[in-house]
Amino acid sequence: MKRLFLILITFCTAASCTVLYRAVRYGSEDIDDHNIFYTYDLHENQNKFHFYKADSSIIDTLDINWNYKNTDFHNLDSLLKNTWTRAFLIVRNDTILFEKYYRGYTREDISTVFSVSKSVTSLVVGIAVDEGYISSVNDPVTKYIPELNSADPMFKKLTIKHLLDMRSGIKFNEDYGFNPFSKIARLYYGTNQLRLIKKLKFACEPGTKYNYESISTAILGVVVEKATQQNFAKYFEEKVWKPLGMENTAKWSLDDKRHKSVKAYGGLSITAVDLAKIGRLYLNGGKFKGNQIVSSEWIKETLTPNPKNNGYQNQWFSFNAFALDSADNRYFADSLTAQKVWEERYAKTYPYYKIHLYKKSNYREGYWKLDFDEYWGLFVYTNQFYARGIMKQIMFIDLNKNTIFVRLGDGADLYEYESLIYKINKEL
């Protein structure tokens, strides 16, 4: 094994293949990856903002009635102790209702939140628009990254809005399986983001198709750096970190020591309580202590569900749920029936919806005979939104209940974290 490792190191050196070397050495992504990359370090603020702490928590007495690994859990704390969760935080009306840390983590420990970084990047883009560094989200990226004028001609059609809504058309495989030769590995372990971006090709024309891919947010980060003429993390520090009174440390991972370009798509490492303050900013329409950190228009656009884009807008997900008819059925024989259910039961409360045709498996008579029936499903988009990382790092906000949930951890062992949060939030 040692000999194989030495051979790989030799090969990497000869081929200048830092990506392969890093991938073999460090393996797949980890929430402590801020320890392996060069980083821009954010420090504690002198003027800190603190949430209030509830004298007693209704969460402790709430029966969550949750089955996990064939075991019924009725207490949230007991459930989380059996998962890979590191931090779980619930805030309502600026008051912490639940705050627990697991697996040796403390309130001051940071962890990489991966794609939650995308939603934070969107915030930074919004501020750059407000300050005039970016004149319009409809501008082509070539206006800010002139190096792309000599790359694929499609870049001249690619706008910032396309990137924000994951409609870039770029040919990029978001494959998170351990493959040191994949494009996501080249992006994650590479040492020059802009060089990689310049080599990209397009699968379709920008704006024509939704396709979630980290490269879109990586380009947004470069746009901000080029437009502001400063490092993305430094700009974030001045416009977000200090004004919001963050109380712990944090880090943004960089591509390398020389280029110092921020991994805007997944490189933020932060504590749960400080991440919650970004959620709070969105709940308060972009304001903090009377100061408009980002325009209310940007917040409104971000927190308006976009069913035509799978409920994804400005790097945030809209939470949707199955709609039910009066008999609690969620499957409908045709789209007209689903439309009628929405009009009669949901239109006033949830004006954004999607009707979707899908196949549901059914066992028929006979041995092992599997067939499919077509059903129509009605999905309503709520006033709840969330940012999500690859290992179920979640920042969830509810505009109506003024609640914030943060879950940090390694390993998506409990795949229904969003559903768990939705269920708890419903009881608050």
Protein backbone atom coordinates (compact mmCIF):
# COMPACT_ATOMS: atom_id res chain seq x y z
CA MET A 1 0.00 0.00 0.00
CA LYS A 2 2.86 2.35 0.88
CA ARG A 3 4.54 1.60 -2.43
CA LEU A 4 1.30 2.35 -4.33
CA PHE A 5 0.98 5.66 -2.50
CA LEU A 6 4.57 6.58 -3.41
CA ILE A 7 3.91 5.71 -7.05
CA LEU A 8 0.82 7.94 -7.06
CA ILE A 9 2.81 10.78 -5.49
CA THR A 10 5.49 10.38 -8.17
CA PHE A 11 2.88 10.36 -10.91
CA CYS A 12 1.18 13.42 -9.48
CA THR A 13 4.45 15.30 -9.31
CA ALA A 14 5.37 14.40 -12.86
CA ALA A 15 1.96 15.35 -14.21
CA SER A 16 1.42 18.31 -11.86
CA CYS A 17 -1.74 16.52 -10.81
CA THR A 18 -2.50 18.12 -7.48
CA VAL A 19 -6.14 17.08 -7.78
CA LEU A 20 -5.29 13.39 -7.89
CA TYR A 21 -2.78 13.75 -5.05
CA ARG A 22 -5.30 15.56 -2.83
CA ALA A 23 -8.11 13.17 -3.69
CA VAL A 24 -6.03 10.09 -2.89
CA ARG A 25 -4.64 11.62 0.29
CA TYR A 26 -7.86 13.05 1.72
CA GLY A 27 -10.56 10.91 0.12
CA SER A 28 -14.13 12.15 -0.12
CA GLU A 29 -15.40 15.38 1.41
CA ASP A 30 -15.56 15.79 5.19
CA ILE A 31 -17.03 18.43 7.50
CA ASP A 32 -13.57 19.13 8.90
CA ASP A 33 -12.07 19.88 5.48
CA HIS A 34 -11.31 23.42 6.58
CA ASN A 35 -8.22 21.79 8.11
CA ILE A 36 -6.84 20.61 4.76
CA PHE A 37 -7.30 23.70 2.58
CA TYR A 38 -5.84 27.15 2.65
CA THR A 39 -8.45 29.37 4.26
CA TYR A 40 -9.49 32.94 4.82
CA ASP A 41 -10.04 33.12 8.57
CA LEU A 42 -12.88 35.10 10.11
CA HIS A 43 -12.46 36.05 13.74
CA GLU A 44 -14.76 36.80 16.65
CA ASN A 45 -16.32 40.24 16.64
CA GLN A 46 -15.98 42.66 19.51
CA ASN A 47 -19.63 43.62 19.18
CA LYS A 48 -21.51 40.33 19.26
CA PHE A 49 -25.19 39.67 18.76
CA HIS A 50 -26.69 36.99 21.01
CA PHE A 51 -30.03 35.24 20.76
CA TYR A 52 -32.11 35.07 23.91
CA LYS A 53 -32.23 31.77 25.77
CA ALA A 54 -35.59 30.32 26.79
CA ASP A 55 -35.92 29.44 30.48
CA SER A 56 -37.55 26.14 29.51
CA SER A 57 -37.97 24.51 26.15
CA ILE A 58 -41.23 23.16 24.79
CA ILE A 59 -39.08 20.95 22.55
CA ASP A 60 -38.05 18.86 25.54
CA THR A 61 -41.68 17.94 26.21
CA LEU A 62 -42.67 17.60 22.55
CA ASP A 63 -43.47 14.05 21.45
CA ILE A 64 -41.76 13.81 18.05
CA ASN A 65 -42.99 10.24 17.51
CA TRP A 66 -40.20 9.42 15.05
CA ASN A 67 -39.09 5.97 13.89
CA TYR A 68 -35.39 5.63 13.11
CA LYS A 69 -33.63 2.35 12.41
CA ASN A 70 -36.68 0.42 13.62
CA THR A 71 -36.70 2.27 16.94
CA ASP A 72 -39.40 4.69 18.06
CA PHE A 73 -38.11 7.97 19.48
CA HIS A 74 -40.36 10.41 21.32
CA ASN A 75 -37.73 12.90 22.44
CA LEU A 76 -35.67 14.96 19.99
CA ASP A 77 -32.49 14.86 22.06
CA SER A 78 -32.57 11.07 22.36
CA LEU A 79 -33.07 10.76 18.59
CA LEU A 80 -30.20 13.08 17.70
CA LYS A 81 -27.81 11.26 20.04
CA ASN A 82 -28.21 8.23 17.78
CA THR A 83 -27.43 10.08 14.56
CA TRP A 84 -24.32 11.71 13.10
CA THR A 85 -25.61 15.13 14.09
CA ARG A 86 -23.03 17.53 15.55
CA ALA A 87 -25.29 20.50 16.25
CA PHE A 88 -29.03 21.13 16.28
CA LEU A 89 -30.50 24.55 16.94
CA ILE A 90 -34.07 25.90 16.98
CA VAL A 91 -34.76 29.64 17.27
CA ARG A 92 -38.13 31.39 17.36
CA ASN A 93 -38.61 35.13 17.73
CA ASP A 94 -34.90 35.54 18.51
CA THR A 95 -35.16 33.04 21.37
CA ILE A 96 -33.30 29.73 21.39
CA LEU A 97 -35.80 26.94 22.08
CA PHE A 98 -33.37 24.06 21.60
CA GLU A 99 -29.59 23.96 21.34
CA LYS A 100 -27.65 20.72 21.66
CA TYR A 101 -24.23 19.51 20.52
CA TYR A 102 -23.14 15.93 19.97
CA ARG A 103 -20.17 13.73 19.17
CA GLY A 104 -17.74 15.93 21.08
CA TYR A 105 -18.74 19.19 19.42
CA THR A 106 -19.31 22.43 21.32
CA ARG A 107 -20.98 25.75 20.60
CA GLU A 108 -17.68 27.22 19.43
CA ASP A 109 -16.72 24.43 17.00
CA ILE A 110 -17.01 25.15 13.29
CA SER A 111 -17.77 22.63 10.58
CA THR A 112 -17.93 22.83 6.80
CA VAL A 113 -21.53 23.36 5.67
CA PHE A 114 -20.86 22.55 2.00
CA SER A 115 -23.75 23.66 -0.23
CA VAL A 116 -25.33 25.80 2.46
CA SER A 117 -22.47 28.04 1.31
CA LYS A 118 -24.36 28.52 -1.95
CA SER A 119 -27.20 30.32 -0.18
CA VAL A 120 -24.71 32.51 1.67
CA THR A 121 -23.02 33.29 -1.65
CA SER A 122 -26.38 34.43 -3.00
CA LEU A 123 -26.57 36.91 -0.12
CA VAL A 124 -23.16 38.29 -1.03
CA VAL A 125 -24.17 38.60 -4.69
CA GLY A 126 -27.26 40.54 -3.61
CA ILE A 127 -25.13 42.98 -1.63
CA ALA A 128 -22.79 43.44 -4.60
CA VAL A 129 -25.85 44.28 -6.73
CA ASP A 130 -27.10 46.75 -4.11
CA GLU A 131 -23.73 48.50 -4.03
CA GLY A 132 -23.49 48.76 -7.81
CA TYR A 133 -20.50 46.46 -8.24
CA ILE A 134 -22.84 44.25 -10.27
CA SER A 135 -25.13 46.45 -12.34
CA SER A 136 -27.72 43.74 -13.08
CA VAL A 137 -28.22 40.02 -12.58
CA ASN A 138 -29.10 39.93 -16.27
CA ASP A 139 -25.54 40.89 -17.18
CA PRO A 140 -23.48 38.22 -18.96
CA VAL A 141 -20.67 36.81 -16.82
CA THR A 142 -18.16 37.89 -19.47
CA LYS A 143 -18.75 41.49 -18.37
CA TYR A 144 -17.09 40.66 -15.06
CA ILE A 145 -14.84 37.76 -16.09
CA PRO A 146 -13.35 38.94 -19.43
CA GLU A 147 -11.11 35.85 -19.50
CA LEU A 148 -14.21 33.90 -20.57
CA ASN A 149 -14.52 35.85 -23.83
CA SER A 150 -11.93 33.51 -25.30
CA ALA A 151 -13.58 30.37 -23.86
CA ASP A 152 -16.72 28.59 -25.08
CA PRO A 153 -18.87 31.17 -26.97
CA MET A 154 -21.89 30.19 -24.81
CA PHE A 155 -20.34 32.09 -21.91
CA LYS A 156 -21.41 35.30 -23.64
CA LYS A 157 -25.03 34.18 -23.22
CA LEU A 158 -24.61 33.05 -19.63
CA THR A 159 -26.02 35.56 -17.15
CA ILE A 160 -25.67 35.91 -13.40
CA LYS A 161 -29.37 35.08 -13.06
CA HIS A 162 -28.83 31.80 -14.91
CA LEU A 163 -26.17 30.93 -12.34
CA LEU A 164 -28.33 31.94 -9.38
CA ASP A 165 -31.14 29.66 -10.54
CA MET A 166 -28.96 26.75 -11.68
CA ARG A 167 -29.86 27.15 -15.35
CA SER A 168 -26.35 27.61 -16.69
CA GLY A 169 -26.42 24.87 -19.32
CA ILE A 170 -22.83 23.98 -18.43
CA LYS A 171 -21.82 20.37 -18.89
CA PHE A 172 -20.86 19.40 -15.35
CA ASN A 173 -21.48 16.15 -13.53
CA GLU A 174 -22.38 16.67 -9.85
CA ASP A 175 -21.17 13.18 -8.94
CA TYR A 176 -20.19 12.97 -5.28
CA GLY A 177 -19.03 9.36 -5.36
CA PHE A 178 -15.30 9.07 -4.72
CA ASN A 179 -13.85 9.56 -8.19
CA PRO A 180 -10.62 11.61 -8.29
CA PHE A 181 -11.10 12.17 -12.03
CA SER A 182 -14.63 13.61 -11.82
CA LYS A 183 -15.30 17.28 -12.50
CA ILE A 184 -16.56 17.89 -8.98
CA ALA A 185 -13.27 16.44 -7.64
CA ARG A 186 -11.32 18.71 -9.99
CA LEU A 187 -13.29 21.66 -8.69
CA TYR A 188 -13.08 20.67 -5.03
CA TYR A 189 -9.40 19.69 -4.95
CA GLY A 190 -8.14 21.90 -7.76
CA THR A 191 -5.80 24.83 -7.21
CA ASN A 192 -7.06 27.28 -9.83
CA GLN A 193 -10.82 27.71 -10.15
CA LEU A 194 -10.70 30.20 -12.99
CA ARG A 195 -8.49 27.95 -15.10
CA LEU A 196 -11.00 25.11 -14.69
CA ILE A 197 -13.93 27.40 -15.51
CA LYS A 198 -12.29 28.56 -18.75
CA LYS A 199 -12.14 24.95 -19.97
CA LEU A 200 -15.84 24.23 -19.45
CA LYS A 201 -18.24 23.30 -22.24
CA PHE A 202 -22.02 23.59 -22.45
CA ALA A 203 -24.61 20.84 -22.71
CA CYS A 204 -27.37 23.27 -23.71
CA GLU A 205 -28.02 26.97 -24.10
CA PRO A 206 -28.08 28.92 -20.81
CA GLY A 207 -31.53 29.42 -19.35
CA THR A 208 -33.18 26.43 -21.01
CA LYS A 209 -32.87 23.79 -18.31
CA TYR A 210 -32.57 23.54 -14.51
CA ASN A 211 -29.61 21.44 -13.42
CA TYR A 212 -28.17 21.71 -9.92
CA GLU A 213 -24.38 22.00 -10.14
CA SER A 214 -21.72 23.52 -7.92
CA ILE A 215 -19.82 25.04 -10.81
CA SER A 216 -22.56 27.67 -11.18
CA THR A 217 -21.91 28.98 -7.67
CA ALA A 218 -18.15 28.74 -8.18
CA ILE A 219 -18.53 31.14 -11.10
CA LEU A 220 -20.70 33.45 -8.97
CA GLY A 221 -17.87 33.63 -6.45
CA VAL A 222 -15.40 34.64 -9.15
CA VAL A 223 -17.88 37.24 -10.46
CA VAL A 224 -18.01 38.85 -7.01
CA GLU A 225 -14.22 38.84 -6.70
CA LYS A 226 -13.78 40.41 -10.14
CA ALA A 227 -16.59 42.94 -9.68
CA THR A 228 -15.50 44.13 -6.22
CA GLN A 229 -11.78 43.78 -6.92
CA GLN A 230 -11.30 42.02 -3.60
CA ASN A 231 -11.35 38.56 -2.14
CA PHE A 232 -14.86 37.14 -1.77
CA ALA A 233 -14.29 36.21 1.90
CA LYS A 234 -12.97 39.67 2.73
CA TYR A 235 -16.04 41.24 1.14
CA PHE A 236 -18.24 38.82 3.09
CA GLU A 237 -16.39 39.74 6.27
CA GLU A 238 -17.02 43.45 5.85
CA LYS A 239 -20.60 43.24 4.60
CA VAL A 240 -22.01 40.29 6.54
CA TRP A 241 -19.74 38.86 9.22
CA LYS A 242 -19.03 42.06 11.15
CA PRO A 243 -22.44 43.74 10.74
CA LEU A 244 -24.33 40.66 12.00
CA GLY A 245 -22.22 40.44 15.15
CA MET A 246 -21.04 36.88 14.64
CA GLU A 247 -19.75 35.52 17.95
CA ASN A 248 -17.35 32.73 16.99
CA THR A 249 -14.72 32.10 14.35
CA ALA A 250 -15.31 30.84 10.81
CA LYS A 251 -13.38 30.04 7.64
CA TRP A 252 -13.80 30.15 3.88
CA SER A 253 -11.72 27.55 2.02
CA LEU A 254 -9.61 28.82 -0.89
CA ASP A 255 -8.49 27.03 -4.04
CA ASP A 256 -4.84 27.54 -3.07
CA LYS A 257 -2.37 29.87 -1.40
CA ARG A 258 -1.42 31.59 -4.65
CA HIS A 259 -4.79 32.31 -6.26
CA LYS A 260 -6.78 32.62 -3.01
CA SER A 261 -10.11 32.26 -4.80
CA VAL A 262 -12.92 31.29 -2.41
CA LYS A 263 -14.83 28.01 -2.80
CA ALA A 264 -18.12 29.88 -2.87
CA TYR A 265 -20.10 26.74 -3.67
CA GLY A 266 -19.18 24.79 -0.53
CA GLY A 267 -16.24 26.19 1.40
CA LEU A 268 -17.83 27.95 4.37
CA SER A 269 -17.08 26.51 7.80
CA ILE A 270 -19.12 28.08 10.57
CA THR A 271 -20.89 27.39 13.87
CA ALA A 272 -24.60 26.63 14.11
CA VAL A 273 -25.45 29.76 16.08
CA ASP A 274 -23.69 32.09 13.65
CA LEU A 275 -25.28 30.39 10.66
CA ALA A 276 -28.67 30.99 12.30
CA LYS A 277 -27.98 34.73 12.19
CA ILE A 278 -27.95 34.58 8.40
CA GLY A 279 -31.35 32.88 8.54
CA ARG A 280 -32.49 35.65 10.87
CA LEU A 281 -31.41 38.26 8.32
CA TYR A 282 -33.77 36.72 5.75
CA LEU A 283 -36.64 36.59 8.24
CA ASN A 284 -36.14 40.30 8.91
CA GLY A 285 -36.24 41.38 5.28
CA GLY A 286 -32.49 41.97 5.05
CA LYS A 287 -32.32 44.25 8.10
CA PHE A 288 -30.19 43.99 11.22
CA LYS A 289 -30.69 46.48 14.06
CA GLY A 290 -32.25 48.97 11.67
CA ASN A 291 -29.47 48.66 9.08
CA GLN A 292 -30.34 47.31 5.63
CA ILE A 293 -27.61 44.72 5.04
CA VAL A 294 -29.15 43.58 1.74
CA SER A 295 -32.12 45.08 -0.05
CA SER A 296 -35.63 43.93 0.81
CA GLU A 297 -36.16 43.41 -2.92
CA TRP A 298 -33.39 40.80 -2.98
CA ILE A 299 -34.90 39.02 0.02
CA LYS A 300 -38.38 39.09 -1.51
CA GLU A 301 -37.14 37.64 -4.79
CA THR A 302 -35.19 34.92 -2.99
CA LEU A 303 -38.13 33.99 -0.78
CA THR A 304 -40.66 33.77 -3.60
CA PRO A 305 -41.08 30.12 -4.68
CA ASN A 306 -40.38 29.31 -8.31
CA PRO A 307 -42.31 26.11 -9.21
CA LYS A 308 -41.02 26.27 -12.80
CA ASN A 309 -37.49 25.88 -11.42
CA ASN A 310 -38.23 22.99 -9.04
CA GLY A 311 -38.74 25.52 -6.26
CA TYR A 312 -35.17 26.76 -6.47
CA GLN A 313 -34.35 30.44 -6.74
CA ASN A 314 -31.33 32.56 -5.87
CA GLN A 315 -29.52 29.50 -4.47
CA TRP A 316 -32.31 28.69 -1.96
CA PHE A 317 -34.81 25.82 -1.92
CA SER A 318 -38.52 26.39 -1.44
CA PHE A 319 -40.11 23.83 0.86
CA ASN A 320 -42.99 22.00 -0.80
CA ALA A 321 -45.35 19.37 0.47
CA PHE A 322 -47.99 17.01 -0.93
CA ALA A 323 -51.42 18.60 -0.94
CA LEU A 324 -54.38 16.52 0.26
CA ASP A 325 -58.02 16.55 -0.70
CA SER A 326 -60.83 16.57 1.90
CA ALA A 327 -60.45 12.80 2.35
CA ASP A 328 -56.68 13.12 2.88
CA ASN A 329 -55.83 11.60 -0.50
CA ARG A 330 -52.65 12.82 -2.15
CA TYR A 331 -52.95 10.89 -5.41
CA PHE A 332 -55.29 12.10 -8.14
CA ALA A 333 -56.57 10.49 -11.31
CA ASP A 334 -55.99 13.55 -13.50
CA SER A 335 -54.52 17.03 -13.43
CA LEU A 336 -57.92 18.75 -13.41
CA THR A 337 -58.78 17.09 -10.10
CA ALA A 338 -55.47 18.20 -8.64
CA GLN A 339 -56.05 21.74 -9.91
CA LYS A 340 -59.49 21.81 -8.27
CA VAL A 341 -58.05 20.64 -4.93
CA TRP A 342 -55.55 23.48 -5.03
CA GLU A 343 -58.23 26.07 -5.86
CA GLU A 344 -60.61 24.89 -3.15
CA ARG A 345 -58.19 24.15 -0.32
CA TYR A 346 -54.83 25.87 -0.81
CA ALA A 347 -54.96 28.81 -3.22
CA LYS A 348 -55.47 31.50 -0.57
CA THR A 349 -52.71 30.25 1.72
CA TYR A 350 -50.26 28.80 -0.79
CA PRO A 351 -50.45 30.62 -4.15
CA TYR A 352 -47.46 28.73 -5.58
CA TYR A 353 -47.94 25.14 -6.66
CA LYS A 354 -46.93 22.45 -9.12
CA ILE A 355 -48.94 19.55 -10.53
CA HIS A 356 -46.74 16.62 -11.40
CA LEU A 357 -47.38 13.31 -13.16
CA TYR A 358 -45.41 10.39 -11.83
CA LYS A 359 -45.53 6.61 -11.64
CA LYS A 360 -46.25 4.78 -8.41
CA SER A 361 -45.30 1.12 -8.11
CA ASN A 362 -47.94 -1.45 -7.23
CA TYR A 363 -47.74 -5.19 -6.70
CA ARG A 364 -50.29 -7.04 -8.80
CA GLU A 365 -51.59 -10.57 -8.41
CA GLY A 366 -49.00 -13.24 -9.04
CA TYR A 367 -45.48 -13.83 -7.87
CA TRP A 368 -43.07 -10.88 -7.93
CA LYS A 369 -45.05 -9.06 -10.58
CA LEU A 370 -44.42 -5.35 -10.29
CA ASP A 371 -46.48 -2.88 -12.27
CA PHE A 372 -46.84 0.89 -12.29
CA ASP A 373 -49.84 3.18 -12.21
CA GLU A 374 -49.80 6.81 -13.22
CA TYR A 375 -50.91 9.33 -10.64
CA TRP A 376 -51.05 13.06 -10.40
CA GLY A 377 -49.53 14.77 -7.41
CA LEU A 378 -50.18 18.30 -6.24
CA PHE A 379 -47.27 20.06 -4.53
CA VAL A 380 -47.82 23.35 -2.75
CA TYR A 381 -44.92 25.66 -1.96
CA THR A 382 -45.06 27.02 1.56
CA ASN A 383 -43.55 30.08 3.24
CA GLN A 384 -40.67 27.88 4.36
CA PHE A 385 -37.25 27.89 2.73
CA TYR A 386 -33.97 26.13 3.31
CA ALA A 387 -30.33 25.82 2.39
CA ARG A 388 -28.89 22.31 2.29
CA GLY A 389 -25.45 20.73 2.24
CA ILE A 390 -24.42 17.31 0.97
CA MET A 391 -24.45 15.69 4.42
CA LYS A 392 -27.77 17.24 5.40
CA GLN A 393 -26.36 20.44 6.76
CA ILE A 394 -29.56 22.47 6.88
CA MET A 395 -30.57 26.05 7.55
CA PHE A 396 -34.39 26.21 7.53
CA ILE A 397 -36.58 29.29 7.99
CA ASP A 398 -40.34 29.78 8.30
CA LEU A 399 -41.59 33.28 7.49
CA ASN A 400 -44.95 32.80 9.19
CA LYS A 401 -43.68 31.33 12.46
CA ASN A 402 -40.42 33.31 12.53
CA THR A 403 -38.46 30.14 13.21
CA ILE A 404 -34.93 29.10 12.29
CA PHE A 405 -33.59 25.55 12.37
CA VAL A 406 -29.93 24.63 11.91
CA ARG A 407 -28.67 21.07 11.69
CA LEU A 408 -24.95 20.38 11.24
CA GLY A 409 -23.31 16.99 11.07
CA ASP A 410 -21.44 14.44 9.03
CA GLY A 411 -23.19 11.61 7.29
CA ALA A 412 -26.72 11.84 5.90
CA ASP A 413 -27.76 8.88 8.03
CA LEU A 414 -31.23 10.26 8.65
CA TYR A 415 -32.36 11.22 5.17
CA GLU A 416 -35.59 12.78 6.38
CA TYR A 417 -34.06 15.67 8.33
CA GLU A 418 -36.15 18.13 6.32
CA SER A 419 -39.30 16.17 7.20
CA LEU A 420 -38.27 16.01 10.85
CA ILE A 421 -37.73 19.76 10.93
CA TYR A 422 -41.04 20.34 9.16
CA LYS A 423 -42.85 18.17 11.71
CA ILE A 424 -41.29 19.90 14.72
CA ASN A 425 -41.90 23.33 13.23
CA LYS A 426 -45.56 22.47 12.66
CA GLU A 427 -45.99 21.86 16.40
CA LEU A 428 -44.41 25.16 17.48
